[in-house]
Amino acid sequence: MQQKLKTQIDYWKKSAQRDLDTAQVLFKNKRYDSCLFFCHLSLEKLLKGLVVKQTKKAVPYIHHLEKLTILAELTLTEEQIKNLRVITDFNIAGRYDKFKFAFYEKCTKEYTEKYFDITKKLFPWLEKKYQKN
């Protein structure tokens, strides 16, 4: 693998782990809306690294998790797809003022814990995909 591609893939993986760690801190500090935004970001970055690995090209500027799984040629269960669709919305809701207040209201401890747990299950599953040739 070209060194440039390896560098990109390593960046996405390390950055994803950092964002998952940030989500943990945010959850602990009851910043639930921000926690979910970082959950999305961590999965997005892991997927972008897998897209680079699979396509041998720079990743496109998209944030849609399901579309990234398609580009990475991953096979997912219906439940994983459903969860990724919900988590994709955390990117938009956490970023744009028009959606922020409604999203903030939705982010109870229970709701956040549910999707944080889902993220923490998807994360190692995606990490294992890096080991496959």
N, C-alpha and C. Protein backbone atom coordinates (compact mmCIF):
# COMPACT_ATOMS: atom_id res chain seq x y z
N MET A 1 0.84 -1.18 0.00
CA MET A 1 0.00 0.00 0.00
C MET A 1 0.89 1.24 0.00
N GLN A 2 0.50 2.20 -0.78
CA GLN A 2 1.26 3.44 -0.83
C GLN A 2 1.35 4.07 0.55
N GLN A 3 2.48 4.69 0.84
CA GLN A 3 2.67 5.33 2.14
C GLN A 3 1.64 6.44 2.37
N LYS A 4 1.31 7.18 1.31
CA LYS A 4 0.33 8.26 1.43
C LYS A 4 -1.04 7.72 1.87
N LEU A 5 -1.45 6.61 1.28
CA LEU A 5 -2.73 6.00 1.66
C LEU A 5 -2.69 5.48 3.08
N LYS A 6 -1.59 4.84 3.45
CA LYS A 6 -1.44 4.33 4.81
C LYS A 6 -1.51 5.47 5.82
N THR A 7 -0.88 6.59 5.50
CA THR A 7 -0.92 7.77 6.38
C THR A 7 -2.35 8.26 6.55
N GLN A 8 -3.12 8.31 5.45
CA GLN A 8 -4.51 8.75 5.52
C GLN A 8 -5.35 7.78 6.38
N ILE A 9 -5.17 6.50 6.16
CA ILE A 9 -5.92 5.50 6.90
C ILE A 9 -5.60 5.58 8.39
N ASP A 10 -4.32 5.71 8.71
CA ASP A 10 -3.91 5.84 10.12
C ASP A 10 -4.51 7.09 10.76
N TYR A 11 -4.54 8.18 10.00
CA TYR A 11 -5.14 9.42 10.51
C TYR A 11 -6.60 9.19 10.87
N TRP A 12 -7.36 8.59 9.96
CA TRP A 12 -8.78 8.37 10.21
C TRP A 12 -9.00 7.48 11.44
N LYS A 13 -8.22 6.44 11.57
CA LYS A 13 -8.37 5.52 12.71
C LYS A 13 -8.05 6.22 14.04
N LYS A 14 -6.92 6.91 14.09
CA LYS A 14 -6.52 7.59 15.34
C LYS A 14 -7.50 8.69 15.70
N SER A 15 -7.92 9.44 14.73
CA SER A 15 -8.86 10.53 14.96
C SER A 15 -10.21 9.98 15.43
N ALA A 16 -10.63 8.85 14.88
CA ALA A 16 -11.88 8.22 15.29
C ALA A 16 -11.82 7.82 16.76
N GLN A 17 -10.70 7.23 17.17
CA GLN A 17 -10.55 6.82 18.57
C GLN A 17 -10.58 8.03 19.49
N ARG A 18 -9.94 9.09 19.07
CA ARG A 18 -9.93 10.32 19.87
C ARG A 18 -11.36 10.86 20.03
N ASP A 19 -12.14 10.81 18.97
CA ASP A 19 -13.52 11.30 19.03
C ASP A 19 -14.40 10.40 19.89
N LEU A 20 -14.16 9.10 19.87
CA LEU A 20 -14.91 8.20 20.75
C LEU A 20 -14.56 8.49 22.21
N ASP A 21 -13.29 8.73 22.48
CA ASP A 21 -12.87 9.11 23.84
C ASP A 21 -13.53 10.43 24.27
N THR A 22 -13.64 11.36 23.34
CA THR A 22 -14.29 12.64 23.62
C THR A 22 -15.77 12.41 23.93
N ALA A 23 -16.42 11.53 23.18
CA ALA A 23 -17.82 11.20 23.44
C ALA A 23 -18.00 10.67 24.87
N GLN A 24 -17.04 9.86 25.32
CA GLN A 24 -17.10 9.32 26.68
C GLN A 24 -17.04 10.44 27.72
N VAL A 25 -16.15 11.37 27.53
CA VAL A 25 -16.02 12.50 28.46
C VAL A 25 -17.30 13.34 28.45
N LEU A 26 -17.83 13.58 27.28
CA LEU A 26 -19.05 14.37 27.16
C LEU A 26 -20.24 13.67 27.83
N PHE A 27 -20.33 12.35 27.67
CA PHE A 27 -21.40 11.61 28.32
C PHE A 27 -21.27 11.72 29.84
N LYS A 28 -20.08 11.52 30.33
CA LYS A 28 -19.82 11.60 31.77
C LYS A 28 -20.21 12.97 32.32
N ASN A 29 -19.99 14.01 31.52
CA ASN A 29 -20.29 15.37 31.94
C ASN A 29 -21.71 15.84 31.54
N LYS A 30 -22.52 14.89 31.14
CA LYS A 30 -23.94 15.13 30.83
C LYS A 30 -24.15 16.11 29.68
N ARG A 31 -23.22 16.13 28.76
CA ARG A 31 -23.35 16.92 27.53
C ARG A 31 -23.82 15.97 26.43
N TYR A 32 -25.08 15.55 26.58
CA TYR A 32 -25.59 14.44 25.78
C TYR A 32 -25.68 14.73 24.29
N ASP A 33 -26.10 15.94 23.93
CA ASP A 33 -26.18 16.25 22.50
C ASP A 33 -24.79 16.23 21.86
N SER A 34 -23.81 16.78 22.55
CA SER A 34 -22.45 16.78 22.02
C SER A 34 -21.86 15.37 22.00
N CYS A 35 -22.20 14.57 22.99
CA CYS A 35 -21.76 13.17 23.01
C CYS A 35 -22.21 12.46 21.74
N LEU A 36 -23.47 12.63 21.39
CA LEU A 36 -23.99 11.94 20.20
C LEU A 36 -23.37 12.48 18.92
N PHE A 37 -23.09 13.77 18.87
CA PHE A 37 -22.41 14.33 17.71
C PHE A 37 -21.04 13.66 17.55
N PHE A 38 -20.31 13.47 18.65
CA PHE A 38 -19.00 12.83 18.58
C PHE A 38 -19.11 11.33 18.32
N CYS A 39 -20.21 10.72 18.71
CA CYS A 39 -20.45 9.32 18.33
C CYS A 39 -20.49 9.22 16.80
N HIS A 40 -21.27 10.10 16.20
CA HIS A 40 -21.33 10.13 14.73
C HIS A 40 -19.95 10.35 14.13
N LEU A 41 -19.25 11.34 14.65
CA LEU A 41 -17.94 11.69 14.11
C LEU A 41 -16.96 10.51 14.19
N SER A 42 -16.98 9.79 15.30
CA SER A 42 -16.06 8.67 15.46
C SER A 42 -16.35 7.57 14.43
N LEU A 43 -17.62 7.26 14.21
CA LEU A 43 -17.97 6.23 13.23
C LEU A 43 -17.69 6.71 11.81
N GLU A 44 -17.98 7.98 11.55
CA GLU A 44 -17.70 8.54 10.23
C GLU A 44 -16.22 8.42 9.89
N LYS A 45 -15.36 8.74 10.83
CA LYS A 45 -13.93 8.69 10.56
C LYS A 45 -13.43 7.26 10.39
N LEU A 46 -13.93 6.34 11.19
CA LEU A 46 -13.54 4.94 10.99
C LEU A 46 -13.95 4.48 9.60
N LEU A 47 -15.16 4.84 9.20
CA LEU A 47 -15.64 4.45 7.87
C LEU A 47 -14.85 5.11 6.76
N LYS A 48 -14.46 6.35 6.95
CA LYS A 48 -13.67 7.02 5.93
C LYS A 48 -12.31 6.34 5.74
N GLY A 49 -11.72 5.88 6.81
CA GLY A 49 -10.48 5.12 6.69
C GLY A 49 -10.69 3.84 5.91
N LEU A 50 -11.82 3.19 6.14
CA LEU A 50 -12.12 1.96 5.40
C LEU A 50 -12.40 2.25 3.93
N VAL A 51 -12.99 3.39 3.64
CA VAL A 51 -13.22 3.78 2.25
C VAL A 51 -11.87 3.98 1.55
N VAL A 52 -10.95 4.66 2.19
CA VAL A 52 -9.62 4.86 1.61
C VAL A 52 -8.94 3.52 1.39
N LYS A 53 -9.04 2.64 2.37
CA LYS A 53 -8.42 1.31 2.27
C LYS A 53 -9.00 0.52 1.10
N GLN A 54 -10.31 0.60 0.93
CA GLN A 54 -10.99 -0.16 -0.11
C GLN A 54 -10.79 0.43 -1.50
N THR A 55 -10.91 1.74 -1.62
CA THR A 55 -10.91 2.38 -2.94
C THR A 55 -9.53 2.84 -3.39
N LYS A 56 -8.60 2.97 -2.42
CA LYS A 56 -7.24 3.48 -2.71
C LYS A 56 -7.29 4.92 -3.21
N LYS A 57 -8.32 5.65 -2.78
CA LYS A 57 -8.50 7.05 -3.17
C LYS A 57 -8.85 7.86 -1.93
N ALA A 58 -8.68 9.17 -2.05
CA ALA A 58 -9.11 10.07 -0.98
C ALA A 58 -10.62 9.94 -0.80
N VAL A 59 -11.03 10.11 0.41
CA VAL A 59 -12.43 9.93 0.74
C VAL A 59 -13.26 11.14 0.27
N PRO A 60 -14.48 10.90 -0.19
CA PRO A 60 -15.32 12.02 -0.60
C PRO A 60 -15.81 12.82 0.61
N TYR A 61 -16.21 14.05 0.38
CA TYR A 61 -16.69 14.93 1.45
C TYR A 61 -18.16 14.65 1.74
N ILE A 62 -18.42 13.52 2.38
CA ILE A 62 -19.78 13.18 2.79
C ILE A 62 -19.75 12.76 4.26
N HIS A 63 -20.92 12.86 4.88
CA HIS A 63 -21.03 12.52 6.30
C HIS A 63 -22.04 11.40 6.54
N HIS A 64 -22.68 10.92 5.48
CA HIS A 64 -23.73 9.92 5.58
C HIS A 64 -23.11 8.54 5.81
N LEU A 65 -23.36 7.99 6.98
CA LEU A 65 -22.69 6.74 7.37
C LEU A 65 -23.04 5.56 6.48
N GLU A 66 -24.29 5.42 6.13
CA GLU A 66 -24.68 4.29 5.28
C GLU A 66 -24.01 4.38 3.91
N LYS A 67 -23.94 5.57 3.35
CA LYS A 67 -23.27 5.74 2.05
C LYS A 67 -21.79 5.39 2.16
N LEU A 68 -21.18 5.73 3.27
CA LEU A 68 -19.76 5.38 3.48
C LEU A 68 -19.58 3.86 3.56
N THR A 69 -20.53 3.16 4.18
CA THR A 69 -20.42 1.70 4.25
C THR A 69 -20.51 1.08 2.85
N ILE A 70 -21.32 1.70 2.00
CA ILE A 70 -21.45 1.20 0.62
C ILE A 70 -20.13 1.41 -0.12
N LEU A 71 -19.53 2.59 0.03
CA LEU A 71 -18.25 2.87 -0.62
C LEU A 71 -17.15 1.94 -0.11
N ALA A 72 -17.22 1.58 1.17
CA ALA A 72 -16.22 0.68 1.77
C ALA A 72 -16.53 -0.79 1.47
N GLU A 73 -17.66 -1.02 0.80
CA GLU A 73 -18.10 -2.37 0.44
C GLU A 73 -18.27 -3.27 1.65
N LEU A 74 -18.92 -2.74 2.68
CA LEU A 74 -19.20 -3.50 3.89
C LEU A 74 -20.59 -4.13 3.81
N THR A 75 -20.72 -5.29 4.39
CA THR A 75 -22.01 -5.95 4.49
C THR A 75 -22.52 -5.76 5.92
N LEU A 76 -23.69 -5.18 6.03
CA LEU A 76 -24.26 -4.87 7.34
C LEU A 76 -25.59 -5.59 7.53
N THR A 77 -25.95 -5.76 8.79
CA THR A 77 -27.27 -6.29 9.10
C THR A 77 -28.29 -5.16 8.96
N GLU A 78 -29.56 -5.52 8.90
CA GLU A 78 -30.61 -4.50 8.85
C GLU A 78 -30.58 -3.62 10.09
N GLU A 79 -30.29 -4.21 11.24
CA GLU A 79 -30.22 -3.44 12.48
C GLU A 79 -29.07 -2.44 12.44
N GLN A 80 -27.92 -2.86 11.93
CA GLN A 80 -26.79 -1.94 11.82
C GLN A 80 -27.12 -0.78 10.88
N ILE A 81 -27.76 -1.08 9.77
CA ILE A 81 -28.15 -0.03 8.83
C ILE A 81 -29.12 0.95 9.49
N LYS A 82 -30.11 0.41 10.18
CA LYS A 82 -31.09 1.26 10.88
C LYS A 82 -30.40 2.17 11.89
N ASN A 83 -29.48 1.60 12.67
CA ASN A 83 -28.77 2.40 13.67
C ASN A 83 -27.88 3.46 13.02
N LEU A 84 -27.21 3.11 11.95
CA LEU A 84 -26.36 4.09 11.26
C LEU A 84 -27.18 5.24 10.68
N ARG A 85 -28.40 4.94 10.24
CA ARG A 85 -29.27 6.00 9.71
C ARG A 85 -29.63 6.98 10.83
N VAL A 86 -29.94 6.46 12.01
CA VAL A 86 -30.27 7.33 13.15
C VAL A 86 -29.04 8.15 13.54
N ILE A 87 -27.90 7.48 13.66
CA ILE A 87 -26.67 8.15 14.09
C ILE A 87 -26.23 9.21 13.07
N THR A 88 -26.49 8.98 11.80
CA THR A 88 -26.17 9.99 10.77
C THR A 88 -26.87 11.31 11.08
N ASP A 89 -28.09 11.23 11.58
CA ASP A 89 -28.83 12.46 11.90
C ASP A 89 -28.18 13.27 13.01
N PHE A 90 -27.38 12.64 13.84
CA PHE A 90 -26.71 13.36 14.93
C PHE A 90 -25.73 14.39 14.38
N ASN A 91 -25.20 14.13 13.20
CA ASN A 91 -24.27 15.07 12.57
C ASN A 91 -24.99 16.37 12.21
N ILE A 92 -26.12 16.26 11.58
CA ILE A 92 -26.87 17.44 11.14
C ILE A 92 -27.47 18.15 12.35
N ALA A 93 -28.10 17.38 13.23
CA ALA A 93 -28.79 17.96 14.38
C ALA A 93 -27.82 18.65 15.33
N GLY A 94 -26.61 18.13 15.42
CA GLY A 94 -25.62 18.71 16.32
C GLY A 94 -24.88 19.89 15.73
N ARG A 95 -25.06 20.12 14.44
CA ARG A 95 -24.26 21.13 13.75
C ARG A 95 -25.03 22.38 13.37
N TYR A 96 -26.29 22.25 13.01
CA TYR A 96 -27.03 23.38 12.45
C TYR A 96 -28.04 23.94 13.44
N ASP A 97 -28.00 25.25 13.63
CA ASP A 97 -28.84 25.93 14.61
C ASP A 97 -30.32 25.59 14.47
N LYS A 98 -30.78 25.46 13.27
CA LYS A 98 -32.20 25.17 13.03
C LYS A 98 -32.64 23.89 13.74
N PHE A 99 -31.75 22.93 13.89
CA PHE A 99 -32.09 21.65 14.47
C PHE A 99 -31.59 21.47 15.91
N LYS A 100 -30.68 22.33 16.34
CA LYS A 100 -29.98 22.11 17.61
C LYS A 100 -30.90 22.02 18.82
N PHE A 101 -31.87 22.93 18.96
CA PHE A 101 -32.69 22.92 20.16
C PHE A 101 -33.55 21.67 20.22
N ALA A 102 -34.17 21.30 19.12
CA ALA A 102 -35.00 20.09 19.10
C ALA A 102 -34.14 18.86 19.41
N PHE A 103 -32.95 18.84 18.88
CA PHE A 103 -32.04 17.73 19.14
C PHE A 103 -31.64 17.70 20.62
N TYR A 104 -31.33 18.85 21.16
CA TYR A 104 -30.96 18.96 22.58
C TYR A 104 -32.07 18.41 23.46
N GLU A 105 -33.30 18.74 23.15
CA GLU A 105 -34.45 18.26 23.92
C GLU A 105 -34.59 16.74 23.84
N LYS A 106 -34.24 16.18 22.72
CA LYS A 106 -34.36 14.74 22.48
C LYS A 106 -33.28 13.94 23.24
N CYS A 107 -32.18 14.59 23.53
CA CYS A 107 -31.00 13.91 24.07
C CYS A 107 -31.07 13.72 25.59
N THR A 108 -31.99 12.89 26.00
CA THR A 108 -32.04 12.52 27.41
C THR A 108 -30.88 11.59 27.72
N LYS A 109 -30.66 11.34 28.99
CA LYS A 109 -29.61 10.40 29.37
C LYS A 109 -29.88 9.03 28.77
N GLU A 110 -31.12 8.57 28.83
CA GLU A 110 -31.47 7.23 28.33
C GLU A 110 -31.27 7.13 26.82
N TYR A 111 -31.75 8.13 26.08
CA TYR A 111 -31.61 8.14 24.63
C TYR A 111 -30.13 8.16 24.24
N THR A 112 -29.37 9.01 24.89
CA THR A 112 -27.95 9.13 24.59
C THR A 112 -27.21 7.85 24.94
N GLU A 113 -27.53 7.28 26.09
CA GLU A 113 -26.87 6.04 26.51
C GLU A 113 -27.13 4.92 25.51
N LYS A 114 -28.36 4.84 25.01
CA LYS A 114 -28.70 3.82 24.01
C LYS A 114 -27.79 3.92 22.78
N TYR A 115 -27.69 5.13 22.22
CA TYR A 115 -26.92 5.28 20.98
C TYR A 115 -25.41 5.34 21.23
N PHE A 116 -25.02 5.72 22.42
CA PHE A 116 -23.60 5.65 22.77
C PHE A 116 -23.19 4.18 22.87
N ASP A 117 -24.04 3.36 23.47
CA ASP A 117 -23.76 1.92 23.55
C ASP A 117 -23.71 1.29 22.16
N ILE A 118 -24.62 1.68 21.31
CA ILE A 118 -24.61 1.16 19.93
C ILE A 118 -23.32 1.56 19.23
N THR A 119 -22.90 2.80 19.41
CA THR A 119 -21.64 3.28 18.83
C THR A 119 -20.47 2.45 19.35
N LYS A 120 -20.47 2.20 20.65
CA LYS A 120 -19.36 1.44 21.25
C LYS A 120 -19.35 -0.01 20.78
N LYS A 121 -20.45 -0.52 20.29
CA LYS A 121 -20.48 -1.88 19.70
C LYS A 121 -20.06 -1.85 18.23
N LEU A 122 -20.49 -0.82 17.52
CA LEU A 122 -20.13 -0.70 16.11
C LEU A 122 -18.64 -0.40 15.93
N PHE A 123 -18.08 0.36 16.83
CA PHE A 123 -16.69 0.81 16.70
C PHE A 123 -15.71 -0.37 16.58
N PRO A 124 -15.69 -1.33 17.51
CA PRO A 124 -14.74 -2.44 17.36
C PRO A 124 -15.07 -3.34 16.17
N TRP A 125 -16.34 -3.44 15.82
CA TRP A 125 -16.72 -4.22 14.65
C TRP A 125 -16.10 -3.60 13.40
N LEU A 126 -16.14 -2.28 13.30
CA LEU A 126 -15.52 -1.60 12.17
C LEU A 126 -14.00 -1.68 12.23
N GLU A 127 -13.44 -1.56 13.42
CA GLU A 127 -11.97 -1.66 13.55
C GLU A 127 -11.46 -3.00 13.01
N LYS A 128 -12.20 -4.06 13.24
CA LYS A 128 -11.79 -5.38 12.74
C LYS A 128 -11.72 -5.43 11.22
N LYS A 129 -12.51 -4.59 10.57
CA LYS A 129 -12.52 -4.56 9.10
C LYS A 129 -11.20 -4.05 8.54
N TYR A 130 -10.46 -3.32 9.32
CA TYR A 130 -9.13 -2.85 8.89
C TYR A 130 -8.14 -3.99 8.73
N GLN A 131 -8.36 -5.08 9.44
CA GLN A 131 -7.43 -6.21 9.42
C GLN A 131 -7.61 -7.08 8.18
N LYS A 132 -8.75 -6.97 7.55
CA LYS A 132 -9.01 -7.79 6.36
C LYS A 132 -8.34 -7.19 5.15
N ASN A 133 -7.85 -8.05 4.29
CA ASN A 133 -7.18 -7.57 3.07
C ASN A 133 -8.15 -7.26 1.96
